[in-house]
Amino acid sequence: MLSLFSFSLSRIMLRYSPYSVPHSAFRLCFPSTSFLHSHSHSQSQSRDKYVDIFTRLLSMRPPPSINSFNMILGVLAKRNDFPTALPHVQLLEARGFQFNEVTYVTLIQGLCKTRHTSAAVQVLRKIPMHGIVPNVVMYSAIIDSLCKEGLVNLAFRFFSEMLAKGISPDVQSYNIMIHGFCKSKMLDKALILFEEMLRKYLVPNTVTYTILIDSLCKSKRISCALELFDKMHDRGQTANIVTYNSLLNGMFKNKQLDKALMLFNQMKKSGIDPNINTYRVLIDGLYNAKEIFQDFCVIGCPTNMRAYNIKIDGLCKKGLFEEALTQLSEMEHNGCLPNAVTFVTVIHALFERDENDMAEKLLREMIARGLLNF
């Protein structure tokens, strides 16, 4: 059998030798089969268990099918423990086991997840010699890995190669490539791929739309993002919290406060609960637009409250949070209830300094007081 691993295994194993890899790299998890029922909490016991299972499988007469090994390799790949599996894959090959499509998919995915994309590509190139035809899952794993490495143009060459070989990309493949283009600020190329999906009668999903909406917002093309958002609903795809967060962030950063607050209310009415990221976007947006935002709050606002807010803002800008919180308590003690501007100022500053626990505590208090209802 032609060796698949002569080109790269020794180099990979040197990098992942047990003398250089933390013990946590050998954490294993086993599927529940007739011989894989027990679970060990100890990492060393877990590794020993895996070696024992693998050895017993190899010693069985007649030997089990490759599918038994695929199952274990698949679990290791999903847990990023694939380097542990590589010498055993080599052993399987040496024993003459015939790898099938699932084996090769697992190998390519495992190599890509451990940042050995070039090795995965070489496996892809060699598997036709073993009678296996590369498929969309193999190509998608390599394209995704290349995009994550910032090699988007090379990733697109593999995407084009896949098409040239008559392998039809699925929605996930398009999403990977569209996301790669968007991350590399090649939005127009991403939009061309999106239109190509539609021409091929592939149905873009929520992930597709969210990737593009986020990128359009970051490119300050808010009207295009909103247009795509409307088309998303017209085509039966439901926006999720990530979609809304992207739009809200884009609107706030482009000083569209009124529209952002309307969208926030629309989101809540549609049954989608804001998450912590939503509130961070909201707090950040309100703070940066505070000159406008204050206009919503100054009607009937006593002079001493405005004075407190100015003082608290100054303390927060200097990073004097304890003093700012003292002023917050003093306000209430003096019968001057903090308003939305007060809370937004303090929470924004806390988030900016990564004081997330305190920020979330004040955020919950702000919500409980009804100060984020617009």
Protein backbone atom coordinates (compact mmCIF):
# COMPACT_ATOMS: atom_id res chain seq x y z
CA MET A 1 0.00 0.00 0.00
CA LEU A 2 1.37 3.41 -0.96
CA SER A 3 2.31 5.25 2.21
CA LEU A 4 0.25 8.35 2.82
CA PHE A 5 2.34 9.61 5.69
CA SER A 6 5.95 9.33 4.58
CA PHE A 7 5.84 13.01 3.61
CA SER A 8 4.82 14.52 6.90
CA LEU A 9 4.23 12.20 9.83
CA SER A 10 7.72 12.31 11.31
CA ARG A 11 7.70 16.11 11.28
CA ILE A 12 4.24 16.29 12.86
CA MET A 13 5.09 13.72 15.53
CA LEU A 14 8.30 15.59 16.42
CA ARG A 15 6.22 18.70 17.03
CA TYR A 16 3.73 16.75 19.12
CA SER A 17 6.12 14.43 20.94
CA PRO A 18 5.03 13.54 24.50
CA TYR A 19 8.11 15.39 25.75
CA SER A 20 6.95 18.71 24.31
CA VAL A 21 3.16 18.53 24.54
CA PRO A 22 1.29 19.35 27.76
CA HIS A 23 -0.32 16.34 29.39
CA SER A 24 -3.72 17.88 28.62
CA ALA A 25 -3.11 17.21 24.93
CA PHE A 26 -3.73 13.52 25.59
CA ARG A 27 -7.24 13.91 27.01
CA LEU A 28 -9.41 11.35 25.29
CA CYS A 29 -13.08 10.61 24.96
CA PHE A 30 -14.54 7.34 23.70
CA PRO A 31 -17.79 6.58 21.87
CA SER A 32 -20.28 4.30 23.58
CA THR A 33 -19.90 0.93 21.89
CA SER A 34 -19.99 -2.58 23.36
CA PHE A 35 -16.35 -2.27 24.32
CA LEU A 36 -16.35 1.45 25.18
CA HIS A 37 -18.71 1.81 28.12
CA SER A 38 -16.54 3.12 30.95
CA HIS A 39 -15.49 6.74 31.39
CA SER A 40 -12.38 7.85 33.23
CA HIS A 41 -11.85 11.27 34.72
CA SER A 42 -8.10 10.83 34.86
CA GLN A 43 -6.22 12.00 31.76
CA SER A 44 -3.54 9.34 32.10
CA GLN A 45 -6.12 6.60 32.65
CA SER A 46 -8.06 7.86 29.66
CA ARG A 47 -4.98 7.68 27.45
CA ASP A 48 -4.12 4.20 28.74
CA LYS A 49 -7.70 3.15 28.05
CA TYR A 50 -7.46 4.39 24.49
CA VAL A 51 -4.17 2.58 23.87
CA ASP A 52 -5.64 -0.59 25.37
CA ILE A 53 -8.74 -0.40 23.17
CA PHE A 54 -6.68 0.28 20.06
CA THR A 55 -4.32 -2.61 20.84
CA ARG A 56 -7.20 -5.00 21.47
CA LEU A 57 -8.85 -4.01 18.22
CA LEU A 58 -5.63 -4.65 16.30
CA SER A 59 -5.15 -8.05 17.97
CA MET A 60 -8.66 -9.30 17.16
CA ARG A 61 -8.87 -12.21 14.71
CA PRO A 62 -10.35 -11.62 12.29
CA PRO A 63 -9.54 -7.93 12.65
CA PRO A 64 -12.45 -5.49 12.80
CA SER A 65 -13.30 -3.30 9.84
CA ILE A 66 -11.76 0.11 9.40
CA ASN A 67 -15.06 1.60 10.61
CA SER A 68 -14.23 0.60 14.20
CA PHE A 69 -11.05 2.66 14.03
CA ASN A 70 -12.78 5.51 12.18
CA MET A 71 -15.08 5.93 15.15
CA ILE A 72 -12.21 6.46 17.59
CA LEU A 73 -10.23 8.65 15.20
CA GLY A 74 -13.31 10.81 14.66
CA VAL A 75 -13.74 11.44 18.37
CA LEU A 76 -10.06 12.37 18.72
CA ALA A 77 -10.26 14.76 15.78
CA LYS A 78 -13.30 16.51 17.23
CA ARG A 79 -11.52 16.96 20.57
CA ASN A 80 -8.34 18.35 18.95
CA ASP A 81 -6.47 15.26 20.20
CA PHE A 82 -5.61 14.21 16.67
CA PRO A 83 -1.79 14.27 17.15
CA THR A 84 -2.29 11.38 19.60
CA ALA A 85 -3.95 9.38 16.83
CA LEU A 86 -1.35 9.92 14.09
CA PRO A 87 1.08 7.10 15.04
CA HIS A 88 -1.87 4.72 15.26
CA VAL A 89 -3.03 5.76 11.80
CA GLN A 90 0.45 4.95 10.53
CA LEU A 91 0.25 1.57 12.28
CA LEU A 92 -3.09 0.83 10.63
CA GLU A 93 -1.59 1.63 7.26
CA ALA A 94 1.42 -0.61 7.95
CA ARG A 95 -0.92 -3.48 8.89
CA GLY A 96 -2.60 -3.21 5.50
CA PHE A 97 -5.96 -1.77 6.53
CA GLN A 98 -7.82 -0.29 3.58
CA PHE A 99 -8.85 3.25 4.45
CA ASN A 100 -12.27 4.35 3.23
CA GLU A 101 -13.83 7.74 2.53
CA VAL A 102 -14.67 8.30 6.21
CA THR A 103 -11.05 7.62 7.21
CA TYR A 104 -9.73 10.18 4.75
CA VAL A 105 -12.33 12.78 5.73
CA THR A 106 -11.30 12.29 9.37
CA LEU A 107 -7.59 12.54 8.52
CA ILE A 108 -8.01 15.73 6.53
CA GLN A 109 -10.25 17.34 9.15
CA GLY A 110 -7.89 16.32 11.96
CA LEU A 111 -4.83 17.68 10.17
CA CYS A 112 -6.61 20.94 9.39
CA LYS A 113 -7.78 21.39 12.98
CA THR A 114 -4.19 20.98 14.18
CA ARG A 115 -2.95 23.53 11.63
CA HIS A 116 -1.28 21.06 9.32
CA THR A 117 -3.11 22.25 6.22
CA SER A 118 -0.23 21.48 3.86
CA ALA A 119 -0.21 17.87 5.09
CA ALA A 120 -3.99 17.72 4.61
CA VAL A 121 -3.55 18.96 1.04
CA GLN A 122 -1.00 16.22 0.35
CA VAL A 123 -3.44 13.62 1.67
CA LEU A 124 -6.10 15.07 -0.64
CA ARG A 125 -3.71 14.77 -3.60
CA LYS A 126 -2.78 11.16 -2.83
CA ILE A 127 -6.13 9.59 -2.03
CA PRO A 128 -7.21 9.10 -5.68
CA MET A 129 -4.33 6.59 -5.89
CA HIS A 130 -6.24 4.56 -3.29
CA GLY A 131 -9.45 4.58 -5.29
CA ILE A 132 -11.16 7.31 -3.25
CA VAL A 133 -12.71 10.35 -4.92
CA PRO A 134 -12.26 13.62 -2.97
CA ASN A 135 -15.56 15.08 -1.80
CA VAL A 136 -17.01 18.42 -0.71
CA VAL A 137 -16.34 17.73 3.00
CA MET A 138 -12.60 17.24 2.36
CA TYR A 139 -12.34 20.38 0.26
CA SER A 140 -14.39 22.41 2.75
CA ALA A 141 -12.05 21.45 5.62
CA ILE A 142 -9.01 22.61 3.64
CA ILE A 143 -10.70 25.80 2.42
CA ASP A 144 -11.77 26.65 5.97
CA SER A 145 -8.27 26.03 7.33
CA LEU A 146 -6.65 28.19 4.63
CA CYS A 147 -9.12 31.01 5.31
CA LYS A 148 -8.31 30.86 9.02
CA GLU A 149 -4.62 31.17 8.13
CA GLY A 150 -5.42 34.28 6.08
CA LEU A 151 -4.66 32.53 2.77
CA VAL A 152 -7.99 33.47 1.24
CA ASN A 153 -6.85 33.64 -2.39
CA LEU A 154 -5.34 30.17 -2.10
CA ALA A 155 -8.55 28.96 -0.45
CA PHE A 156 -10.52 30.29 -3.41
CA ARG A 157 -8.24 28.37 -5.79
CA PHE A 158 -9.27 25.17 -4.01
CA PHE A 159 -12.90 26.30 -4.14
CA SER A 160 -12.58 26.82 -7.91
CA GLU A 161 -10.74 23.50 -8.29
CA MET A 162 -13.60 21.76 -6.52
CA LEU A 163 -16.06 23.26 -9.02
CA ALA A 164 -13.83 22.34 -11.96
CA LYS A 165 -13.79 18.71 -10.81
CA GLY A 166 -17.58 18.60 -10.75
CA ILE A 167 -17.83 18.61 -6.96
CA SER A 168 -20.79 20.81 -6.02
CA PRO A 169 -20.19 23.13 -3.06
CA ASP A 170 -22.98 23.06 -0.49
CA VAL A 171 -24.28 25.95 1.63
CA GLN A 172 -21.61 25.33 4.27
CA SER A 173 -18.84 25.49 1.66
CA TYR A 174 -20.15 28.80 0.38
CA ASN A 175 -20.47 30.12 3.93
CA ILE A 176 -16.83 29.24 4.63
CA MET A 177 -15.61 31.02 1.50
CA ILE A 178 -17.92 34.02 1.96
CA HIS A 179 -16.74 34.38 5.57
CA GLY A 180 -13.11 34.15 4.43
CA PHE A 181 -13.62 36.94 1.90
CA CYS A 182 -15.45 39.10 4.45
CA LYS A 183 -12.74 38.67 7.10
CA SER A 184 -10.14 39.69 4.50
CA LYS A 185 -12.20 42.77 3.56
CA MET A 186 -13.09 41.39 0.14
CA LEU A 187 -16.78 42.06 0.55
CA ASP A 188 -17.54 42.47 -3.15
CA LYS A 189 -16.13 39.00 -3.88
CA ALA A 190 -18.27 37.61 -1.06
CA LEU A 191 -21.36 39.22 -2.59
CA ILE A 192 -20.52 37.70 -5.99
CA LEU A 193 -20.42 34.25 -4.36
CA PHE A 194 -23.73 34.99 -2.65
CA GLU A 195 -25.34 35.80 -6.01
CA GLU A 196 -23.81 32.62 -7.43
CA MET A 197 -25.53 30.62 -4.68
CA LEU A 198 -28.88 32.10 -5.66
CA ARG A 199 -28.31 31.34 -9.35
CA LYS A 200 -27.61 27.72 -8.44
CA TYR A 201 -30.84 27.55 -6.39
CA LEU A 202 -28.88 26.99 -3.20
CA VAL A 203 -30.74 28.49 -0.25
CA PRO A 204 -28.54 30.80 1.84
CA ASN A 205 -29.18 30.22 5.53
CA THR A 206 -29.14 32.50 8.56
CA VAL A 207 -25.35 32.10 8.83
CA THR A 208 -24.87 33.29 5.23
CA TYR A 209 -26.99 36.38 5.71
CA THR A 210 -25.48 37.21 9.10
CA ILE A 211 -21.91 37.04 7.75
CA LEU A 212 -22.78 39.43 4.92
CA ILE A 213 -24.87 41.79 7.06
CA ASP A 214 -22.04 42.05 9.59
CA SER A 215 -19.51 42.79 6.86
CA LEU A 216 -21.78 45.36 5.20
CA CYS A 217 -22.23 47.12 8.54
CA LYS A 218 -18.49 47.16 9.17
CA SER A 219 -18.06 48.69 5.70
CA LYS A 220 -20.60 51.40 6.65
CA ARG A 221 -23.05 50.15 4.02
CA ILE A 222 -25.96 50.20 6.43
CA SER A 223 -28.67 50.68 3.81
CA CYS A 224 -27.39 47.61 1.93
CA ALA A 225 -27.30 45.65 5.19
CA LEU A 226 -30.91 46.59 5.96
CA GLU A 227 -31.97 45.69 2.42
CA LEU A 228 -30.36 42.27 2.80
CA PHE A 229 -31.97 41.93 6.23
CA ASP A 230 -35.41 42.49 4.64
CA LYS A 231 -34.66 40.00 1.85
CA MET A 232 -33.58 37.49 4.46
CA HIS A 233 -37.04 37.63 6.05
CA ASP A 234 -38.79 37.62 2.66
CA ARG A 235 -36.91 34.41 1.78
CA GLY A 236 -37.98 32.68 4.98
CA GLN A 237 -34.72 32.90 6.92
CA THR A 238 -35.02 34.00 10.55
CA ALA A 239 -32.57 36.50 11.96
CA ASN A 240 -30.87 35.45 15.19
CA ILE A 241 -29.32 37.45 18.00
CA VAL A 242 -25.99 37.65 16.15
CA THR A 243 -27.71 39.18 13.11
CA TYR A 244 -29.42 41.81 15.26
CA ASN A 245 -26.24 42.58 17.19
CA SER A 246 -24.37 43.21 13.94
CA LEU A 247 -27.07 45.57 12.67
CA LEU A 248 -27.35 47.40 15.98
CA ASN A 249 -23.59 47.86 16.15
CA GLY A 250 -23.50 49.18 12.59
CA MET A 251 -26.35 51.62 13.20
CA PHE A 252 -24.88 53.00 16.40
CA LYS A 253 -21.44 53.44 14.85
CA ASN A 254 -23.03 55.32 11.96
CA LYS A 255 -24.94 57.58 14.38
CA GLN A 256 -28.36 56.17 13.52
CA LEU A 257 -29.56 56.17 17.12
CA ASP A 258 -33.30 56.34 16.39
CA LYS A 259 -33.17 53.44 13.91
CA ALA A 260 -31.02 51.38 16.28
CA LEU A 261 -33.48 51.80 19.14
CA MET A 262 -36.39 50.94 16.84
CA LEU A 263 -34.57 47.78 15.75
CA PHE A 264 -33.85 46.89 19.37
CA ASN A 265 -37.57 47.08 20.13
CA GLN A 266 -38.40 45.12 16.96
CA MET A 267 -36.00 42.40 18.07
CA LYS A 268 -37.63 42.08 21.48
CA LYS A 269 -41.12 42.02 19.94
CA SER A 270 -40.04 39.19 17.64
CA GLY A 271 -39.26 37.09 20.73
CA ILE A 272 -35.47 37.33 20.62
CA ASP A 273 -34.01 38.14 24.03
CA PRO A 274 -31.00 40.46 24.14
CA ASN A 275 -27.79 38.82 25.33
CA ILE A 276 -24.81 40.40 27.05
CA ASN A 277 -23.28 41.32 23.67
CA THR A 278 -26.49 43.12 22.70
CA TYR A 279 -26.33 45.20 25.85
CA ARG A 280 -22.65 45.92 25.34
CA VAL A 281 -23.44 47.21 21.86
CA LEU A 282 -26.36 49.19 23.25
CA ILE A 283 -24.38 50.71 26.12
CA ASP A 284 -21.45 51.55 23.84
CA GLY A 285 -23.77 53.08 21.25
CA LEU A 286 -25.72 55.14 23.76
CA TYR A 287 -22.53 56.37 25.40
CA ASN A 288 -20.94 57.43 22.12
CA ALA A 289 -24.19 59.15 21.12
CA LYS A 290 -24.74 60.57 24.59
CA GLU A 291 -25.22 64.14 23.39
CA ILE A 292 -28.32 62.96 21.51
CA PHE A 293 -29.22 60.36 24.10
CA GLN A 294 -29.20 62.94 26.87
CA ASP A 295 -31.92 64.83 25.02
CA PHE A 296 -34.23 61.89 25.76
CA CYS A 297 -33.46 62.15 29.45
CA VAL A 298 -33.12 65.85 30.29
CA ILE A 299 -36.83 66.66 30.25
CA GLY A 300 -37.68 67.15 33.90
CA CYS A 301 -34.14 66.24 34.85
CA PRO A 302 -33.02 68.35 37.83
CA THR A 303 -29.83 70.37 37.63
CA ASN A 304 -28.16 68.35 40.40
CA MET A 305 -28.66 65.11 38.41
CA ARG A 306 -26.92 66.63 35.39
CA ALA A 307 -24.12 67.77 37.69
CA TYR A 308 -23.76 64.26 39.13
CA ASN A 309 -23.70 62.75 35.63
CA ILE A 310 -20.95 65.12 34.50
CA LYS A 311 -18.91 64.35 37.62
CA ILE A 312 -19.38 60.57 37.26
CA ASP A 313 -18.39 60.75 33.59
CA GLY A 314 -15.18 62.56 34.53
CA LEU A 315 -14.31 59.99 37.20
CA CYS A 316 -14.94 57.10 34.81
CA LYS A 317 -12.71 58.63 32.15
CA LYS A 318 -9.91 58.72 34.73
CA GLY A 319 -10.55 55.08 35.66
CA LEU A 320 -11.66 56.04 39.18
CA PHE A 321 -14.48 53.51 39.36
CA GLU A 322 -14.73 53.28 43.14
CA GLU A 323 -15.19 57.04 43.33
CA ALA A 324 -17.75 56.91 40.51
CA LEU A 325 -19.72 54.18 42.28
CA THR A 326 -19.53 56.20 45.50
CA GLN A 327 -21.08 59.14 43.64
CA LEU A 328 -23.77 56.79 42.32
CA SER A 329 -24.65 55.76 45.88
CA GLU A 330 -24.50 59.35 47.07
CA MET A 331 -26.98 60.39 44.39
CA GLU A 332 -29.58 57.95 45.65
CA HIS A 333 -28.86 58.80 49.27
CA ASN A 334 -29.57 62.45 48.46
CA GLY A 335 -32.85 61.55 46.76
CA CYS A 336 -31.55 62.01 43.22
CA LEU A 337 -32.28 58.76 41.39
CA PRO A 338 -29.71 57.90 38.69
CA ASN A 339 -31.16 57.96 35.18
CA ALA A 340 -30.24 55.99 32.06
CA VAL A 341 -27.37 58.37 31.26
CA THR A 342 -25.82 57.74 34.68
CA PHE A 343 -25.91 53.97 34.29
CA VAL A 344 -24.76 54.02 30.66
CA THR A 345 -21.75 56.15 31.60
CA VAL A 346 -20.59 53.82 34.38
CA ILE A 347 -21.37 50.53 32.60
CA HIS A 348 -19.62 51.67 29.41
CA ALA A 349 -16.49 52.57 31.36
CA LEU A 350 -16.51 49.24 33.20
CA PHE A 351 -16.84 47.28 29.95
CA GLU A 352 -14.02 49.33 28.43
CA ARG A 353 -11.74 48.30 31.32
CA ASP A 354 -12.88 44.65 31.19
CA GLU A 355 -14.55 44.97 34.59
CA ASN A 356 -17.25 42.71 33.19
CA ASP A 357 -18.69 41.30 36.42
CA MET A 358 -19.39 44.73 37.88
CA ALA A 359 -20.65 46.00 34.51
CA GLU A 360 -23.10 43.11 34.21
CA LYS A 361 -24.28 43.62 37.80
CA LEU A 362 -25.08 47.29 37.09
CA LEU A 363 -26.60 46.33 33.75
CA ARG A 364 -29.02 43.93 35.45
CA GLU A 365 -29.93 46.69 37.91
CA MET A 366 -30.50 49.12 35.04
CA ILE A 367 -32.79 46.65 33.29
CA ALA A 368 -34.66 45.92 36.53
CA ARG A 369 -35.31 49.64 36.93
CA GLY A 370 -36.79 49.81 33.43
CA LEU A 371 -34.13 52.21 32.19
CA LEU A 372 -33.48 50.31 28.96
CA ASN A 373 -37.03 50.48 27.67
CA PHE A 374 -37.27 52.76 24.69
